[in-house]
Amino acid sequence: MITKAQFDTEIELIIANAIREDVGDGDHSSLACIPNSATGKAKLLVKDEGILAGVDFAKKVFNYVDPEMQVEVLIEDGSKVKYGDIAFYVSGSSQSILKAERLVLNAMQRMSAIATKTNQFVQLLEGTGTKILDTRKTTPGIRALEKWAVKIGGGVNHRFALYDMIMLKDNHIDFAGGITNAIKKTKKYLKDTNRDLKIIVEARDLDEIKEILKTPGVYRILIDNFNYEDTRKAVELIGDTCLTESSGGINEKTVRKYAECGVDFISSGALTHSVYNLDLSLKAV
């Protein structure tokens, strides 16, 4: 997984690029009618129900735009919220508040939606010992935000990107000439390049599970698009050799049944690619 320093850098880049994109050479709407010396206060109003996420990110945005702005947090990330709740107050330069407003709202609405959906999966898995994972099916440019939201919702981050974990999927296996070749070539590559990366291998059927198990050094087997019966058989075959992960169209109706097959993890791209933004608003007070 990526380090905290790498993650912090990603967040800084997201903020800088978003402000560049939105503000350009100036927020002329505010500059035109609000004096530079004007100060004000605004509240983050919740107009929906779910899990709040992005408060800490909002603080970073306000600080980037204007370090003089003050944020009074009333509700922390990961808390359940309902219509009418006030998450925080921000005070300072009126122009600065307006400059940061849209980025804060866009990010918090999406992050809260992801945290809410993730938490629904977490609740459905309660008592099974299975953990819910995100994937790389994220919005280009803001992956760090979306994976942050998954953690706030109680989920677990999969690899962050292509560089922090090896994942041999069907196309890698086919291009490499089969599972055994793919694993052996990968282990040699890691040794030759002096890299310490965990290896996950995707299996499309029980025969591929058996083949993977013949080559040691695999961290986790991805049991992809299996039915319940074959998932149970795969878990029995793998035993304690390595960790197990189910994936492939798993949703709220099926997630617990797959967990009851005994897998360690279930991954779902829907956590980040199929959510509806929570309704939040920043209002002057």
Protein backbone atom coordinates (compact mmCIF):
# COMPACT_ATOMS: atom_id res chain seq x y z
CA MET A 1 0.00 0.00 0.00
CA ILE A 2 1.07 3.59 -0.45
CA THR A 3 2.66 5.48 2.42
CA LYS A 4 1.02 8.31 4.33
CA ALA A 5 3.42 10.75 2.69
CA GLN A 6 2.39 9.52 -0.77
CA PHE A 7 -1.28 9.79 0.15
CA ASP A 8 -0.85 13.30 1.53
CA THR A 9 0.87 14.32 -1.71
CA GLU A 10 -2.06 12.97 -3.72
CA ILE A 11 -4.50 15.04 -1.65
CA GLU A 12 -2.39 18.18 -2.08
CA LEU A 13 -2.32 17.65 -5.86
CA ILE A 14 -6.10 17.16 -5.96
CA ILE A 15 -6.69 20.43 -4.11
CA ALA A 16 -4.21 22.43 -6.18
CA ASN A 17 -5.57 21.13 -9.47
CA ALA A 18 -9.20 21.61 -8.47
CA ILE A 19 -8.65 25.21 -7.41
CA ARG A 20 -6.68 25.86 -10.62
CA GLU A 21 -9.52 24.40 -12.66
CA ASP A 22 -12.29 26.31 -10.85
CA VAL A 23 -10.72 29.67 -10.04
CA GLY A 24 -8.39 30.31 -12.97
CA ASP A 25 -7.28 33.95 -12.89
CA GLY A 26 -9.86 34.86 -10.26
CA ASP A 27 -13.35 34.38 -8.83
CA HIS A 28 -14.70 37.38 -10.67
CA SER A 29 -18.25 36.96 -9.32
CA SER A 30 -16.97 37.59 -5.81
CA LEU A 31 -14.33 40.12 -6.80
CA ALA A 32 -16.96 42.18 -8.58
CA CYS A 33 -19.34 42.70 -5.65
CA ILE A 34 -17.65 41.76 -2.37
CA PRO A 35 -14.93 43.99 -0.85
CA ASN A 36 -11.55 42.41 -0.12
CA SER A 37 -11.94 43.38 3.53
CA ALA A 38 -15.37 41.74 3.97
CA THR A 39 -15.58 38.84 6.43
CA GLY A 40 -18.35 36.34 6.96
CA LYS A 41 -19.42 32.97 8.30
CA ALA A 42 -21.06 29.94 6.66
CA LYS A 43 -22.39 26.59 7.81
CA LEU A 44 -22.21 23.17 6.15
CA LEU A 45 -25.85 22.09 6.16
CA VAL A 46 -26.84 18.44 5.76
CA LYS A 47 -29.97 17.91 3.66
CA ASP A 48 -29.89 14.12 3.51
CA GLU A 49 -29.22 10.99 5.58
CA GLY A 50 -26.04 8.92 5.57
CA ILE A 51 -22.43 8.80 6.71
CA LEU A 52 -20.58 12.11 6.66
CA ALA A 53 -17.18 12.16 4.95
CA GLY A 54 -14.83 14.90 3.82
CA VAL A 55 -14.74 17.17 6.87
CA ASP A 56 -10.98 16.77 7.24
CA PHE A 57 -10.57 17.30 3.50
CA ALA A 58 -12.66 20.49 3.70
CA LYS A 59 -10.33 21.80 6.40
CA LYS A 60 -7.39 21.21 4.06
CA VAL A 61 -9.16 23.05 1.24
CA PHE A 62 -9.97 26.08 3.40
CA ASN A 63 -6.39 26.18 4.66
CA TYR A 64 -5.05 26.00 1.09
CA VAL A 65 -7.29 28.81 -0.13
CA ASP A 66 -6.72 31.01 2.93
CA PRO A 67 -4.83 29.92 6.06
CA GLU A 68 -6.62 32.65 8.01
CA MET A 69 -10.00 30.95 7.73
CA GLN A 70 -11.27 29.23 10.89
CA VAL A 71 -13.27 25.98 10.92
CA GLU A 72 -15.41 24.91 13.88
CA VAL A 73 -16.23 21.22 13.47
CA LEU A 74 -19.47 19.97 15.02
CA ILE A 75 -19.71 16.54 13.36
CA GLU A 76 -16.65 14.42 12.55
CA ASP A 77 -16.00 12.18 9.56
CA GLY A 78 -17.67 8.78 9.85
CA SER A 79 -20.66 10.04 11.84
CA LYS A 80 -24.25 9.32 10.91
CA VAL A 81 -26.06 12.48 9.84
CA LYS A 82 -29.64 13.46 9.08
CA TYR A 83 -31.50 16.32 7.43
CA GLY A 84 -30.92 19.58 9.26
CA ASP A 85 -27.61 18.70 10.90
CA ILE A 86 -24.80 21.26 10.76
CA ALA A 87 -21.42 19.65 10.19
CA PHE A 88 -19.24 22.71 10.70
CA TYR A 89 -18.96 26.49 10.58
CA VAL A 90 -16.28 28.29 8.60
CA SER A 91 -15.45 31.94 9.14
CA GLY A 92 -13.04 34.43 7.61
CA SER A 93 -12.72 36.33 4.35
CA SER A 94 -16.03 36.22 2.46
CA GLN A 95 -14.17 35.97 -0.83
CA SER A 96 -12.12 33.03 0.43
CA ILE A 97 -15.19 31.15 1.67
CA LEU A 98 -16.82 31.51 -1.74
CA LYS A 99 -13.64 30.49 -3.56
CA ALA A 100 -13.47 27.22 -1.60
CA GLU A 101 -17.21 26.52 -1.53
CA ARG A 102 -17.68 24.43 -4.67
CA LEU A 103 -14.66 22.20 -4.18
CA VAL A 104 -15.67 21.52 -0.58
CA LEU A 105 -19.24 20.66 -1.56
CA ASN A 106 -18.36 18.55 -4.60
CA ALA A 107 -15.84 16.53 -2.63
CA MET A 108 -17.93 16.11 0.52
CA GLN A 109 -21.07 15.13 -1.36
CA ARG A 110 -19.26 12.38 -3.26
CA MET A 111 -17.15 11.23 -0.33
CA SER A 112 -20.24 11.03 1.90
CA ALA A 113 -22.07 9.00 -0.74
CA ILE A 114 -19.17 6.54 -0.95
CA ALA A 115 -18.84 6.31 2.83
CA THR A 116 -22.59 5.71 3.11
CA LYS A 117 -22.61 2.92 0.53
CA THR A 118 -19.51 1.33 2.05
CA ASN A 119 -21.06 1.40 5.49
CA GLN A 120 -24.15 -0.37 4.14
CA PHE A 121 -21.91 -3.23 2.97
CA VAL A 122 -20.07 -3.25 6.30
CA GLN A 123 -23.37 -3.61 8.15
CA LEU A 124 -24.45 -6.45 5.86
CA LEU A 125 -21.17 -8.29 6.57
CA GLU A 126 -21.35 -7.85 10.33
CA GLY A 127 -20.46 -11.03 12.20
CA THR A 128 -19.01 -12.87 9.19
CA GLY A 129 -15.37 -11.82 9.54
CA THR A 130 -15.30 -10.81 5.86
CA LYS A 131 -14.09 -7.33 4.95
CA ILE A 132 -15.26 -5.16 2.06
CA LEU A 133 -12.61 -3.85 -0.36
CA ASP A 134 -12.69 -1.07 -2.92
CA THR A 135 -11.09 -1.33 -6.37
CA ARG A 136 -9.33 0.87 -8.95
CA LYS A 137 -12.71 1.68 -10.51
CA THR A 138 -12.49 5.25 -9.31
CA THR A 139 -12.95 8.69 -10.86
CA PRO A 140 -9.70 9.66 -12.64
CA GLY A 141 -7.80 12.31 -10.72
CA ILE A 142 -9.57 11.94 -7.36
CA ARG A 143 -8.83 8.32 -6.41
CA ALA A 144 -7.29 9.35 -3.09
CA LEU A 145 -10.53 11.09 -2.08
CA GLU A 146 -12.69 8.13 -2.99
CA LYS A 147 -10.49 5.58 -1.25
CA TRP A 148 -10.34 7.86 1.79
CA ALA A 149 -14.14 7.83 1.83
CA VAL A 150 -14.20 4.02 1.72
CA LYS A 151 -12.07 3.91 4.87
CA ILE A 152 -14.30 6.47 6.58
CA GLY A 153 -17.26 4.20 5.81
CA GLY A 154 -15.55 1.24 7.46
CA GLY A 155 -14.19 -0.49 4.37
CA VAL A 156 -10.65 -1.51 3.49
CA ASN A 157 -8.54 -0.13 0.68
CA HIS A 158 -7.35 -2.56 -1.97
CA ARG A 159 -4.14 -1.59 -3.75
CA PHE A 160 -4.04 2.13 -4.47
CA ALA A 161 -2.72 1.86 -8.01
CA LEU A 162 -0.67 -0.27 -10.37
CA TYR A 163 2.57 0.39 -8.53
CA ASP A 164 1.89 -0.76 -4.96
CA MET A 165 0.73 -4.35 -5.49
CA ILE A 166 0.93 -7.04 -8.18
CA MET A 167 -2.44 -8.23 -9.45
CA LEU A 168 -2.39 -10.87 -12.17
CA LYS A 169 -5.80 -10.82 -13.83
CA ASP A 170 -7.14 -12.80 -16.78
CA ASN A 171 -5.45 -10.68 -19.47
CA HIS A 172 -2.07 -10.78 -17.71
CA ILE A 173 -2.38 -14.55 -17.42
CA ASP A 174 -3.36 -15.02 -21.06
CA PHE A 175 -0.65 -12.67 -22.36
CA ALA A 176 1.96 -14.37 -20.16
CA GLY A 177 1.09 -17.85 -21.42
CA GLY A 178 -0.82 -19.18 -18.43
CA ILE A 179 -1.02 -18.90 -14.66
CA THR A 180 2.18 -20.72 -13.79
CA ASN A 181 4.24 -18.69 -16.26
CA ALA A 182 2.68 -15.45 -15.05
CA ILE A 183 3.50 -16.18 -11.39
CA LYS A 184 7.04 -17.37 -12.07
CA LYS A 185 7.81 -14.39 -14.30
CA THR A 186 6.39 -12.04 -11.67
CA LYS A 187 8.49 -13.51 -8.87
CA LYS A 188 11.60 -13.23 -11.04
CA TYR A 189 10.74 -9.62 -11.91
CA LEU A 190 10.33 -8.71 -8.25
CA LYS A 191 13.66 -10.33 -7.40
CA ASP A 192 15.49 -8.73 -10.31
CA THR A 193 14.11 -5.26 -9.51
CA ASN A 194 14.47 -5.66 -5.74
CA ARG A 195 10.79 -4.93 -5.12
CA ASP A 196 8.73 -6.24 -2.22
CA LEU A 197 5.18 -6.30 -3.58
CA LYS A 198 2.39 -8.67 -2.65
CA ILE A 199 0.98 -10.87 -5.42
CA ILE A 200 -2.72 -11.42 -6.06
CA VAL A 201 -3.80 -13.88 -8.76
CA GLU A 202 -7.23 -14.10 -10.33
CA ALA A 203 -8.83 -17.51 -10.86
CA ARG A 204 -11.67 -18.11 -13.30
CA ASP A 205 -12.51 -21.67 -12.23
CA LEU A 206 -11.55 -24.38 -9.75
CA ASP A 207 -8.87 -25.81 -12.04
CA GLU A 208 -7.10 -22.45 -12.03
CA ILE A 209 -7.34 -22.39 -8.22
CA LYS A 210 -5.52 -25.74 -8.14
CA GLU A 211 -2.86 -24.47 -10.54
CA ILE A 212 -2.23 -21.32 -8.50
CA LEU A 213 -1.77 -23.41 -5.35
CA LYS A 214 1.07 -25.35 -7.00
CA THR A 215 3.26 -22.22 -7.01
CA PRO A 216 4.08 -20.74 -3.57
CA GLY A 217 4.36 -17.05 -2.84
CA VAL A 218 0.85 -15.86 -3.72
CA TYR A 219 -0.59 -13.47 -1.12
CA ARG A 220 -4.25 -13.65 -2.13
CA ILE A 221 -6.37 -15.51 -4.67
CA LEU A 222 -9.13 -13.58 -6.40
CA ILE A 223 -12.11 -15.91 -6.80
CA ASP A 224 -13.75 -14.10 -9.69
CA ASN A 225 -17.34 -14.59 -10.86
CA PHE A 226 -17.82 -17.90 -9.03
CA ASN A 227 -21.23 -19.08 -7.83
CA TYR A 228 -21.79 -19.82 -4.14
CA GLU A 229 -21.12 -23.55 -4.39
CA ASP A 230 -17.85 -23.16 -6.28
CA THR A 231 -16.77 -20.33 -3.97
CA ARG A 232 -17.15 -22.66 -0.98
CA LYS A 233 -15.16 -25.33 -2.82
CA ALA A 234 -12.45 -22.79 -3.68
CA VAL A 235 -12.17 -21.67 -0.04
CA GLU A 236 -11.83 -25.31 1.05
CA LEU A 237 -9.11 -25.93 -1.56
CA ILE A 238 -7.14 -22.84 -0.57
CA GLY A 239 -7.43 -23.40 3.18
CA ASP A 240 -4.73 -21.47 5.03
CA THR A 241 -2.35 -21.32 2.06
CA CYS A 242 -3.22 -17.69 1.35
CA LEU A 243 -6.00 -15.14 1.70
CA THR A 244 -9.16 -15.26 -0.40
CA GLU A 245 -11.19 -12.56 -2.17
CA SER A 246 -14.50 -12.81 -4.01
CA SER A 247 -15.47 -10.38 -6.75
CA GLY A 248 -17.65 -10.03 -9.80
CA GLY A 249 -21.00 -8.27 -9.69
CA ILE A 250 -21.50 -8.80 -5.97
CA ASN A 251 -24.17 -6.46 -4.60
CA GLU A 252 -26.14 -5.77 -1.43
CA LYS A 253 -28.42 -8.77 -2.08
CA THR A 254 -25.60 -11.28 -2.54
CA VAL A 255 -22.70 -9.97 -0.46
CA ARG A 256 -23.57 -11.80 2.76
CA LYS A 257 -24.06 -15.13 0.96
CA TYR A 258 -20.58 -14.83 -0.51
CA ALA A 259 -19.19 -13.90 2.90
CA GLU A 260 -20.81 -17.00 4.38
CA CYS A 261 -18.76 -19.06 1.90
CA GLY A 262 -15.78 -18.19 4.09
CA VAL A 263 -13.83 -15.66 1.99
CA ASP A 264 -11.58 -13.14 3.75
CA PHE A 265 -12.47 -10.22 1.47
CA ILE A 266 -15.11 -9.15 -1.00
CA SER A 267 -14.22 -6.43 -3.50
CA SER A 268 -16.80 -4.16 -5.10
CA GLY A 269 -16.27 -1.49 -7.71
CA ALA A 270 -19.77 -0.24 -6.95
CA LEU A 271 -18.48 1.41 -3.77
CA THR A 272 -16.93 4.13 -5.89
CA HIS A 273 -18.52 3.97 -9.34
CA SER A 274 -22.22 3.64 -8.48
CA VAL A 275 -23.19 6.17 -5.83
CA TYR A 276 -25.57 9.11 -5.56
CA ASN A 277 -24.17 12.22 -3.94
CA LEU A 278 -25.40 13.16 -0.51
CA ASP A 279 -27.21 16.49 -0.53
CA LEU A 280 -25.09 19.07 1.31
CA SER A 281 -25.09 22.86 1.18
CA LEU A 282 -22.85 25.69 2.36
CA LYS A 283 -25.00 28.58 3.57
CA ALA A 284 -24.05 32.02 4.84
CA VAL A 285 -25.11 32.73 8.43
